[in-house]
Amino acid sequence: KTNFKAQLERCMKLISSNGNYREITIHGMGSALERTINLALQFQLKTNCQLNTKIASIEVTDHLIPLLDDLEPMNDTRWVSTIH
């Protein structure tokens, strides 16, 4: 897991006057939603940039490989919340 301060500094560097970007996108999904929202809000507070938030749910499939040879592999499909 990347340090929060380092993530925020990276965003600041990308959008600064010396940076090459006029727009950045921050993505998060599942358990990273809270961190992603916090990062975006801290970025907005420090830069006065406008946020454009989109939320969605995506279907993900976990491929489960058993540790025991006599069991069959399984797939588990679930929905995960996302923000960008």
PDB file of N, CA and C in Angstrom:
ATOM      1  N   LYS A   1       0.853  -1.171   0.000  1.00  0.00           N
ATOM      2  CA  LYS A   1       0.000   0.000   0.000  1.00  0.00           C
ATOM      3  C   LYS A   1       0.899   1.235   0.000  1.00  0.00           C
ATOM      4  N   THR A   2       0.654   2.127  -0.943  1.00  0.00           N
ATOM      5  CA  THR A   2       1.460   3.339  -1.077  1.00  0.00           C
ATOM      6  C   THR A   2       1.089   4.355   0.004  1.00  0.00           C
ATOM      7  N   ASN A   3       2.077   5.036   0.505  1.00  0.00           N
ATOM      8  CA  ASN A   3       1.901   6.071   1.517  1.00  0.00           C
ATOM      9  C   ASN A   3       0.953   7.151   0.993  1.00  0.00           C
ATOM     10  N   PHE A   4      -0.030   7.534   1.829  1.00  0.00           N
ATOM     11  CA  PHE A   4      -1.034   8.527   1.426  1.00  0.00           C
ATOM     12  C   PHE A   4      -0.390   9.854   1.040  1.00  0.00           C
ATOM     13  N   LYS A   5       0.549  10.313   1.839  1.00  0.00           N
ATOM     14  CA  LYS A   5       1.221  11.588   1.563  1.00  0.00           C
ATOM     15  C   LYS A   5       1.939  11.530   0.215  1.00  0.00           C
ATOM     16  N   ALA A   6       2.557  10.404  -0.093  1.00  0.00           N
ATOM     17  CA  ALA A   6       3.251  10.244  -1.373  1.00  0.00           C
ATOM     18  C   ALA A   6       2.255  10.280  -2.535  1.00  0.00           C
ATOM     19  N   GLN A   7       1.085   9.674  -2.345  1.00  0.00           N
ATOM     20  CA  GLN A   7       0.065   9.712  -3.393  1.00  0.00           C
ATOM     21  C   GLN A   7      -0.409  11.145  -3.638  1.00  0.00           C
ATOM     22  N   LEU A   8      -0.647  11.878  -2.563  1.00  0.00           N
ATOM     23  CA  LEU A   8      -1.097  13.265  -2.688  1.00  0.00           C
ATOM     24  C   LEU A   8      -0.025  14.127  -3.354  1.00  0.00           C
ATOM     25  N   GLU A   9       1.222  13.949  -2.960  1.00  0.00           N
ATOM     26  CA  GLU A   9       2.324  14.707  -3.571  1.00  0.00           C
ATOM     27  C   GLU A   9       2.456  14.390  -5.059  1.00  0.00           C
ATOM     28  N   ARG A  10       2.234  13.143  -5.424  1.00  0.00           N
ATOM     29  CA  ARG A  10       2.291  12.750  -6.840  1.00  0.00           C
ATOM     30  C   ARG A  10       1.204  13.475  -7.633  1.00  0.00           C
ATOM     31  N   CYS A  11      -0.001  13.513  -7.091  1.00  0.00           N
ATOM     32  CA  CYS A  11      -1.094  14.244  -7.751  1.00  0.00           C
ATOM     33  C   CYS A  11      -0.753  15.721  -7.890  1.00  0.00           C
ATOM     34  N   MET A  12      -0.220  16.308  -6.829  1.00  0.00           N
ATOM     35  CA  MET A  12       0.142  17.729  -6.847  1.00  0.00           C
ATOM     36  C   MET A  12       1.208  18.004  -7.908  1.00  0.00           C
ATOM     37  N   LYS A  13       2.182  17.122  -8.003  1.00  0.00           N
ATOM     38  CA  LYS A  13       3.267  17.292  -8.971  1.00  0.00           C
ATOM     39  C   LYS A  13       2.740  17.206 -10.402  1.00  0.00           C
ATOM     40  N   LEU A  14       1.834  16.267 -10.653  1.00  0.00           N
ATOM     41  CA  LEU A  14       1.298  16.095 -12.000  1.00  0.00           C
ATOM     42  C   LEU A  14       0.524  17.318 -12.477  1.00  0.00           C
ATOM     43  N   ILE A  15      -0.185  17.972 -11.578  1.00  0.00           N
ATOM     44  CA  ILE A  15      -1.067  19.068 -11.972  1.00  0.00           C
ATOM     45  C   ILE A  15      -0.427  20.447 -11.776  1.00  0.00           C
ATOM     46  N   SER A  16       0.757  20.482 -11.175  1.00  0.00           N
ATOM     47  CA  SER A  16       1.415  21.767 -10.908  1.00  0.00           C
ATOM     48  C   SER A  16       1.763  22.486 -12.207  1.00  0.00           C
ATOM     49  N   SER A  17       2.161  23.719 -12.075  1.00  0.00           N
ATOM     50  CA  SER A  17       2.497  24.517 -13.261  1.00  0.00           C
ATOM     51  C   SER A  17       3.646  23.902 -14.050  1.00  0.00           C
ATOM     52  N   ASN A  18       4.498  23.133 -13.387  1.00  0.00           N
ATOM     53  CA  ASN A  18       5.604  22.464 -14.077  1.00  0.00           C
ATOM     54  C   ASN A  18       5.184  21.120 -14.663  1.00  0.00           C
ATOM     55  N   GLY A  19       4.030  20.633 -14.245  1.00  0.00           N
ATOM     56  CA  GLY A  19       3.563  19.332 -14.717  1.00  0.00           C
ATOM     57  C   GLY A  19       3.016  19.408 -16.128  1.00  0.00           C
ATOM     58  N   ASN A  20       2.866  18.264 -16.744  1.00  0.00           N
ATOM     59  CA  ASN A  20       2.387  18.196 -18.121  1.00  0.00           C
ATOM     60  C   ASN A  20       0.894  17.899 -18.212  1.00  0.00           C
ATOM     61  N   TYR A  21       0.212  17.821 -17.088  1.00  0.00           N
ATOM     62  CA  TYR A  21      -1.181  17.384 -17.087  1.00  0.00           C
ATOM     63  C   TYR A  21      -2.116  18.512 -16.679  1.00  0.00           C
ATOM     64  N   ARG A  22      -3.222  18.618 -17.395  1.00  0.00           N
ATOM     65  CA  ARG A  22      -4.269  19.577 -17.041  1.00  0.00           C
ATOM     66  C   ARG A  22      -5.389  18.872 -16.283  1.00  0.00           C
ATOM     67  N   GLU A  23      -5.374  17.563 -16.316  1.00  0.00           N
ATOM     68  CA  GLU A  23      -6.425  16.764 -15.694  1.00  0.00           C
ATOM     69  C   GLU A  23      -5.821  15.452 -15.224  1.00  0.00           C
ATOM     70  N   ILE A  24      -6.227  14.989 -14.058  1.00  0.00           N
ATOM     71  CA  ILE A  24      -5.812  13.667 -13.597  1.00  0.00           C
ATOM     72  C   ILE A  24      -7.056  12.901 -13.158  1.00  0.00           C
ATOM     73  N   THR A  25      -6.968  11.594 -13.209  1.00  0.00           N
ATOM     74  CA  THR A  25      -8.058  10.726 -12.772  1.00  0.00           C
ATOM     75  C   THR A  25      -7.547   9.832 -11.661  1.00  0.00           C
ATOM     76  N   ILE A  26      -8.287   9.791 -10.575  1.00  0.00           N
ATOM     77  CA  ILE A  26      -7.948   8.936  -9.442  1.00  0.00           C
ATOM     78  C   ILE A  26      -9.002   7.835  -9.385  1.00  0.00           C
ATOM     79  N   HIS A  27      -8.567   6.588  -9.446  1.00  0.00           N
ATOM     80  CA  HIS A  27      -9.481   5.449  -9.414  1.00  0.00           C
ATOM     81  C   HIS A  27      -9.375   4.731  -8.076  1.00  0.00           C
ATOM     82  N   GLY A  28     -10.479   4.174  -7.639  1.00  0.00           N
ATOM     83  CA  GLY A  28     -10.470   3.329  -6.451  1.00  0.00           C
ATOM     84  C   GLY A  28     -11.602   2.327  -6.534  1.00  0.00           C
ATOM     85  N   MET A  29     -11.406   1.172  -5.914  1.00  0.00           N
ATOM     86  CA  MET A  29     -12.481   0.190  -5.888  1.00  0.00           C
ATOM     87  C   MET A  29     -12.430  -0.626  -4.606  1.00  0.00           C
ATOM     88  N   GLY A  30     -13.590  -1.129  -4.236  1.00  0.00           N
ATOM     89  CA  GLY A  30     -13.676  -1.985  -3.056  1.00  0.00           C
ATOM     90  C   GLY A  30     -13.268  -1.266  -1.787  1.00  0.00           C
ATOM     91  N   SER A  31     -12.360  -1.887  -1.066  1.00  0.00           N
ATOM     92  CA  SER A  31     -11.941  -1.340   0.230  1.00  0.00           C
ATOM     93  C   SER A  31     -11.114  -0.059   0.099  1.00  0.00           C
ATOM     94  N   ALA A  32     -10.702   0.302  -1.105  1.00  0.00           N
ATOM     95  CA  ALA A  32      -9.920   1.529  -1.312  1.00  0.00           C
ATOM     96  C   ALA A  32     -10.797   2.760  -1.561  1.00  0.00           C
ATOM     97  N   LEU A  33     -12.121   2.603  -1.529  1.00  0.00           N
ATOM     98  CA  LEU A  33     -13.007   3.741  -1.806  1.00  0.00           C
ATOM     99  C   LEU A  33     -12.782   4.901  -0.846  1.00  0.00           C
ATOM    100  N   GLU A  34     -12.740   4.624   0.438  1.00  0.00           N
ATOM    101  CA  GLU A  34     -12.580   5.692   1.428  1.00  0.00           C
ATOM    102  C   GLU A  34     -11.267   6.440   1.224  1.00  0.00           C
ATOM    103  N   ARG A  35     -10.212   5.707   0.974  1.00  0.00           N
ATOM    104  CA  ARG A  35      -8.900   6.328   0.755  1.00  0.00           C
ATOM    105  C   ARG A  35      -8.910   7.176  -0.518  1.00  0.00           C
ATOM    106  N   THR A  36      -9.554   6.688  -1.551  1.00  0.00           N
ATOM    107  CA  THR A  36      -9.631   7.411  -2.821  1.00  0.00           C
ATOM    108  C   THR A  36     -10.401   8.716  -2.657  1.00  0.00           C
ATOM    109  N   ILE A  37     -11.514   8.659  -1.954  1.00  0.00           N
ATOM    110  CA  ILE A  37     -12.312   9.860  -1.705  1.00  0.00           C
ATOM    111  C   ILE A  37     -11.510  10.864  -0.881  1.00  0.00           C
ATOM    112  N   ASN A  38     -10.852  10.389   0.154  1.00  0.00           N
ATOM    113  CA  ASN A  38     -10.036  11.265   0.996  1.00  0.00           C
ATOM    114  C   ASN A  38      -8.917  11.919   0.184  1.00  0.00           C
ATOM    115  N   LEU A  39      -8.267  11.140  -0.672  1.00  0.00           N
ATOM    116  CA  LEU A  39      -7.201  11.678  -1.518  1.00  0.00           C
ATOM    117  C   LEU A  39      -7.738  12.776  -2.437  1.00  0.00           C
ATOM    118  N   ALA A  40      -8.878  12.524  -3.063  1.00  0.00           N
ATOM    119  CA  ALA A  40      -9.465  13.512  -3.972  1.00  0.00           C
ATOM    120  C   ALA A  40      -9.857  14.786  -3.228  1.00  0.00           C
ATOM    121  N   LEU A  41     -10.436  14.643  -2.045  1.00  0.00           N
ATOM    122  CA  LEU A  41     -10.841  15.822  -1.273  1.00  0.00           C
ATOM    123  C   LEU A  41      -9.643  16.623  -0.775  1.00  0.00           C
ATOM    124  N   GLN A  42      -8.595  15.946  -0.343  1.00  0.00           N
ATOM    125  CA  GLN A  42      -7.380  16.645   0.086  1.00  0.00           C
ATOM    126  C   GLN A  42      -6.733  17.364  -1.094  1.00  0.00           C
ATOM    127  N   PHE A  43      -6.739  16.720  -2.249  1.00  0.00           N
ATOM    128  CA  PHE A  43      -6.198  17.327  -3.464  1.00  0.00           C
ATOM    129  C   PHE A  43      -6.991  18.582  -3.830  1.00  0.00           C
ATOM    130  N   GLN A  44      -8.310  18.492  -3.768  1.00  0.00           N
ATOM    131  CA  GLN A  44      -9.165  19.638  -4.072  1.00  0.00           C
ATOM    132  C   GLN A  44      -8.905  20.780  -3.092  1.00  0.00           C
ATOM    133  N   LEU A  45      -8.768  20.459  -1.833  1.00  0.00           N
ATOM    134  CA  LEU A  45      -8.523  21.472  -0.803  1.00  0.00           C
ATOM    135  C   LEU A  45      -7.214  22.222  -1.051  1.00  0.00           C
ATOM    136  N   LYS A  46      -6.186  21.507  -1.471  1.00  0.00           N
ATOM    137  CA  LYS A  46      -4.871  22.113  -1.660  1.00  0.00           C
ATOM    138  C   LYS A  46      -4.726  22.845  -2.995  1.00  0.00           C
ATOM    139  N   THR A  47      -5.550  22.517  -3.976  1.00  0.00           N
ATOM    140  CA  THR A  47      -5.364  23.077  -5.315  1.00  0.00           C
ATOM    141  C   THR A  47      -6.515  23.932  -5.814  1.00  0.00           C
ATOM    142  N   ASN A  48      -7.662  23.857  -5.190  1.00  0.00           N
ATOM    143  CA  ASN A  48      -8.878  24.510  -5.688  1.00  0.00           C
ATOM    144  C   ASN A  48      -9.290  23.977  -7.053  1.00  0.00           C
ATOM    145  N   CYS A  49      -8.875  22.773  -7.379  1.00  0.00           N
ATOM    146  CA  CYS A  49      -9.306  22.132  -8.618  1.00  0.00           C
ATOM    147  C   CYS A  49     -10.733  21.615  -8.450  1.00  0.00           C
ATOM    148  N   GLN A  50     -11.429  21.507  -9.549  1.00  0.00           N
ATOM    149  CA  GLN A  50     -12.796  21.010  -9.531  1.00  0.00           C
ATOM    150  C   GLN A  50     -12.793  19.487  -9.611  1.00  0.00           C
ATOM    151  N   LEU A  51     -13.642  18.851  -8.803  1.00  0.00           N
ATOM    152  CA  LEU A  51     -13.775  17.398  -8.842  1.00  0.00           C
ATOM    153  C   LEU A  51     -14.972  17.015  -9.692  1.00  0.00           C
ATOM    154  N   ASN A  52     -14.823  15.964 -10.445  1.00  0.00           N
ATOM    155  CA  ASN A  52     -15.912  15.364 -11.199  1.00  0.00           C
ATOM    156  C   ASN A  52     -15.937  13.898 -10.792  1.00  0.00           C
ATOM    157  N   THR A  53     -16.923  13.511 -10.012  1.00  0.00           N
ATOM    158  CA  THR A  53     -16.948  12.179  -9.423  1.00  0.00           C
ATOM    159  C   THR A  53     -17.934  11.274 -10.140  1.00  0.00           C
ATOM    160  N   LYS A  54     -17.482  10.060 -10.420  1.00  0.00           N
ATOM    161  CA  LYS A  54     -18.349   9.038 -11.005  1.00  0.00           C
ATOM    162  C   LYS A  54     -18.241   7.791 -10.145  1.00  0.00           C
ATOM    163  N   ILE A  55     -19.391   7.208  -9.830  1.00  0.00           N
ATOM    164  CA  ILE A  55     -19.393   5.955  -9.083  1.00  0.00           C
ATOM    165  C   ILE A  55     -20.074   4.887  -9.923  1.00  0.00           C
ATOM    166  N   ALA A  56     -19.686   3.657  -9.692  1.00  0.00           N
ATOM    167  CA  ALA A  56     -20.253   2.544 -10.446  1.00  0.00           C
ATOM    168  C   ALA A  56     -20.018   1.255  -9.672  1.00  0.00           C
ATOM    169  N   SER A  57     -20.577   0.199 -10.188  1.00  0.00           N
ATOM    170  CA  SER A  57     -20.293  -1.144  -9.689  1.00  0.00           C
ATOM    171  C   SER A  57     -19.816  -1.968 -10.870  1.00  0.00           C
ATOM    172  N   ILE A  58     -18.781  -2.755 -10.646  1.00  0.00           N
ATOM    173  CA  ILE A  58     -18.284  -3.623 -11.708  1.00  0.00           C
ATOM    174  C   ILE A  58     -18.301  -5.066 -11.224  1.00  0.00           C
ATOM    175  N   GLU A  59     -18.448  -5.954 -12.164  1.00  0.00           N
ATOM    176  CA  GLU A  59     -18.447  -7.379 -11.852  1.00  0.00           C
ATOM    177  C   GLU A  59     -17.015  -7.899 -11.950  1.00  0.00           C
ATOM    178  N   VAL A  60     -16.559  -8.549 -10.905  1.00  0.00           N
ATOM    179  CA  VAL A  60     -15.222  -9.142 -10.909  1.00  0.00           C
ATOM    180  C   VAL A  60     -15.350 -10.635 -10.646  1.00  0.00           C
ATOM    181  N   THR A  61     -14.405 -11.390 -11.167  1.00  0.00           N
ATOM    182  CA  THR A  61     -14.396 -12.836 -10.967  1.00  0.00           C
ATOM    183  C   THR A  61     -13.108 -13.231 -10.281  1.00  0.00           C
ATOM    184  N   ASP A  62     -13.252 -13.909  -9.161  1.00  0.00           N
ATOM    185  CA  ASP A  62     -12.106 -14.459  -8.445  1.00  0.00           C
ATOM    186  C   ASP A  62     -11.918 -15.897  -8.904  1.00  0.00           C
ATOM    187  N   HIS A  63     -10.715 -16.235  -9.319  1.00  0.00           N
ATOM    188  CA  HIS A  63     -10.386 -17.601  -9.709  1.00  0.00           C
ATOM    189  C   HIS A  63      -9.715 -18.260  -8.512  1.00  0.00           C
ATOM    190  N   LEU A  64     -10.415 -19.199  -7.906  1.00  0.00           N
ATOM    191  CA  LEU A  64      -9.940 -19.843  -6.687  1.00  0.00           C
ATOM    192  C   LEU A  64      -9.280 -21.172  -7.024  1.00  0.00           C
ATOM    193  N   ILE A  65      -8.017 -21.293  -6.700  1.00  0.00           N
ATOM    194  CA  ILE A  65      -7.256 -22.515  -6.959  1.00  0.00           C
ATOM    195  C   ILE A  65      -7.024 -23.205  -5.620  1.00  0.00           C
ATOM    196  N   PRO A  66      -7.544 -24.431  -5.467  1.00  0.00           N
ATOM    197  CA  PRO A  66      -7.430 -25.120  -4.178  1.00  0.00           C
ATOM    198  C   PRO A  66      -5.992 -25.527  -3.862  1.00  0.00           C
ATOM    199  N   LEU A  67      -5.705 -25.588  -2.577  1.00  0.00           N
ATOM    200  CA  LEU A  67      -4.386 -26.026  -2.129  1.00  0.00           C
ATOM    201  C   LEU A  67      -4.267 -27.544  -2.139  1.00  0.00           C
ATOM    202  N   LEU A  68      -5.406 -28.220  -2.113  1.00  0.00           N
ATOM    203  CA  LEU A  68      -5.413 -29.685  -2.130  1.00  0.00           C
ATOM    204  C   LEU A  68      -5.694 -30.186  -3.541  1.00  0.00           C
ATOM    205  N   ASP A  69      -4.985 -31.216  -3.967  1.00  0.00           N
ATOM    206  CA  ASP A  69      -5.103 -31.726  -5.333  1.00  0.00           C
ATOM    207  C   ASP A  69      -6.457 -32.344  -5.645  1.00  0.00           C
ATOM    208  N   ASP A  70      -7.160 -32.855  -4.650  1.00  0.00           N
ATOM    209  CA  ASP A  70      -8.418 -33.554  -4.915  1.00  0.00           C
ATOM    210  C   ASP A  70      -9.624 -32.610  -5.045  1.00  0.00           C
ATOM    211  N   LEU A  71      -9.406 -31.313  -4.964  1.00  0.00           N
ATOM    212  CA  LEU A  71     -10.487 -30.337  -5.111  1.00  0.00           C
ATOM    213  C   LEU A  71     -10.389 -29.634  -6.461  1.00  0.00           C
ATOM    214  N   GLU A  72     -11.542 -29.253  -6.994  1.00  0.00           N
ATOM    215  CA  GLU A  72     -11.610 -28.574  -8.293  1.00  0.00           C
ATOM    216  C   GLU A  72     -11.460 -27.054  -8.117  1.00  0.00           C
ATOM    217  N   PRO A  73     -10.841 -26.389  -9.079  1.00  0.00           N
ATOM    218  CA  PRO A  73     -10.798 -24.922  -9.043  1.00  0.00           C
ATOM    219  C   PRO A  73     -12.216 -24.357  -9.139  1.00  0.00           C
ATOM    220  N   MET A  74     -12.419 -23.198  -8.576  1.00  0.00           N
ATOM    221  CA  MET A  74     -13.739 -22.559  -8.592  1.00  0.00           C
ATOM    222  C   MET A  74     -13.604 -21.104  -9.030  1.00  0.00           C
ATOM    223  N   ASN A  75     -14.692 -20.588  -9.571  1.00  0.00           N
ATOM    224  CA  ASN A  75     -14.785 -19.167  -9.893  1.00  0.00           C
ATOM    225  C   ASN A  75     -15.871 -18.552  -9.029  1.00  0.00           C
ATOM    226  N   ASP A  76     -15.595 -17.399  -8.472  1.00  0.00           N
ATOM    227  CA  ASP A  76     -16.561 -16.685  -7.643  1.00  0.00           C
ATOM    228  C   ASP A  76     -16.746 -15.297  -8.245  1.00  0.00           C
ATOM    229  N   THR A  77     -17.956 -14.993  -8.700  1.00  0.00           N
ATOM    230  CA  THR A  77     -18.251 -13.700  -9.310  1.00  0.00           C
ATOM    231  C   THR A  77     -18.973 -12.825  -8.295  1.00  0.00           C
ATOM    232  N   ARG A  78     -18.557 -11.555  -8.226  1.00  0.00           N
ATOM    233  CA  ARG A  78     -19.157 -10.624  -7.268  1.00  0.00           C
ATOM    234  C   ARG A  78     -19.114  -9.216  -7.846  1.00  0.00           C
ATOM    235  N   TRP A  79     -19.885  -8.321  -7.233  1.00  0.00           N
ATOM    236  CA  TRP A  79     -19.929  -6.922  -7.642  1.00  0.00           C
ATOM    237  C   TRP A  79     -19.106  -6.093  -6.674  1.00  0.00           C
ATOM    238  N   VAL A  80     -18.334  -5.146  -7.208  1.00  0.00           N
ATOM    239  CA  VAL A  80     -17.476  -4.288  -6.400  1.00  0.00           C
ATOM    240  C   VAL A  80     -17.773  -2.830  -6.760  1.00  0.00           C
ATOM    241  N   SER A  81     -17.888  -1.992  -5.738  1.00  0.00           N
ATOM    242  CA  SER A  81     -18.107  -0.558  -5.962  1.00  0.00           C
ATOM    243  C   SER A  81     -16.815   0.094  -6.434  1.00  0.00           C
ATOM    244  N   THR A  82     -16.955   1.076  -7.328  1.00  0.00           N
ATOM    245  CA  THR A  82     -15.791   1.802  -7.845  1.00  0.00           C
ATOM    246  C   THR A  82     -16.069   3.304  -7.824  1.00  0.00           C
ATOM    247  N   ILE A  83     -15.006   4.070  -7.828  1.00  0.00           N
ATOM    248  CA  ILE A  83     -15.106   5.526  -7.933  1.00  0.00           C
ATOM    249  C   ILE A  83     -13.951   6.016  -8.801  1.00  0.00           C
ATOM    250  N   HIS A  84     -14.227   7.004  -9.639  1.00  0.00           N
ATOM    251  CA  HIS A  84     -13.191   7.638 -10.458  1.00  0.00           C
ATOM    252  C   HIS A  84     -13.675   8.993 -10.916  1.00  0.00           C
TER     253      HIS A  84
END
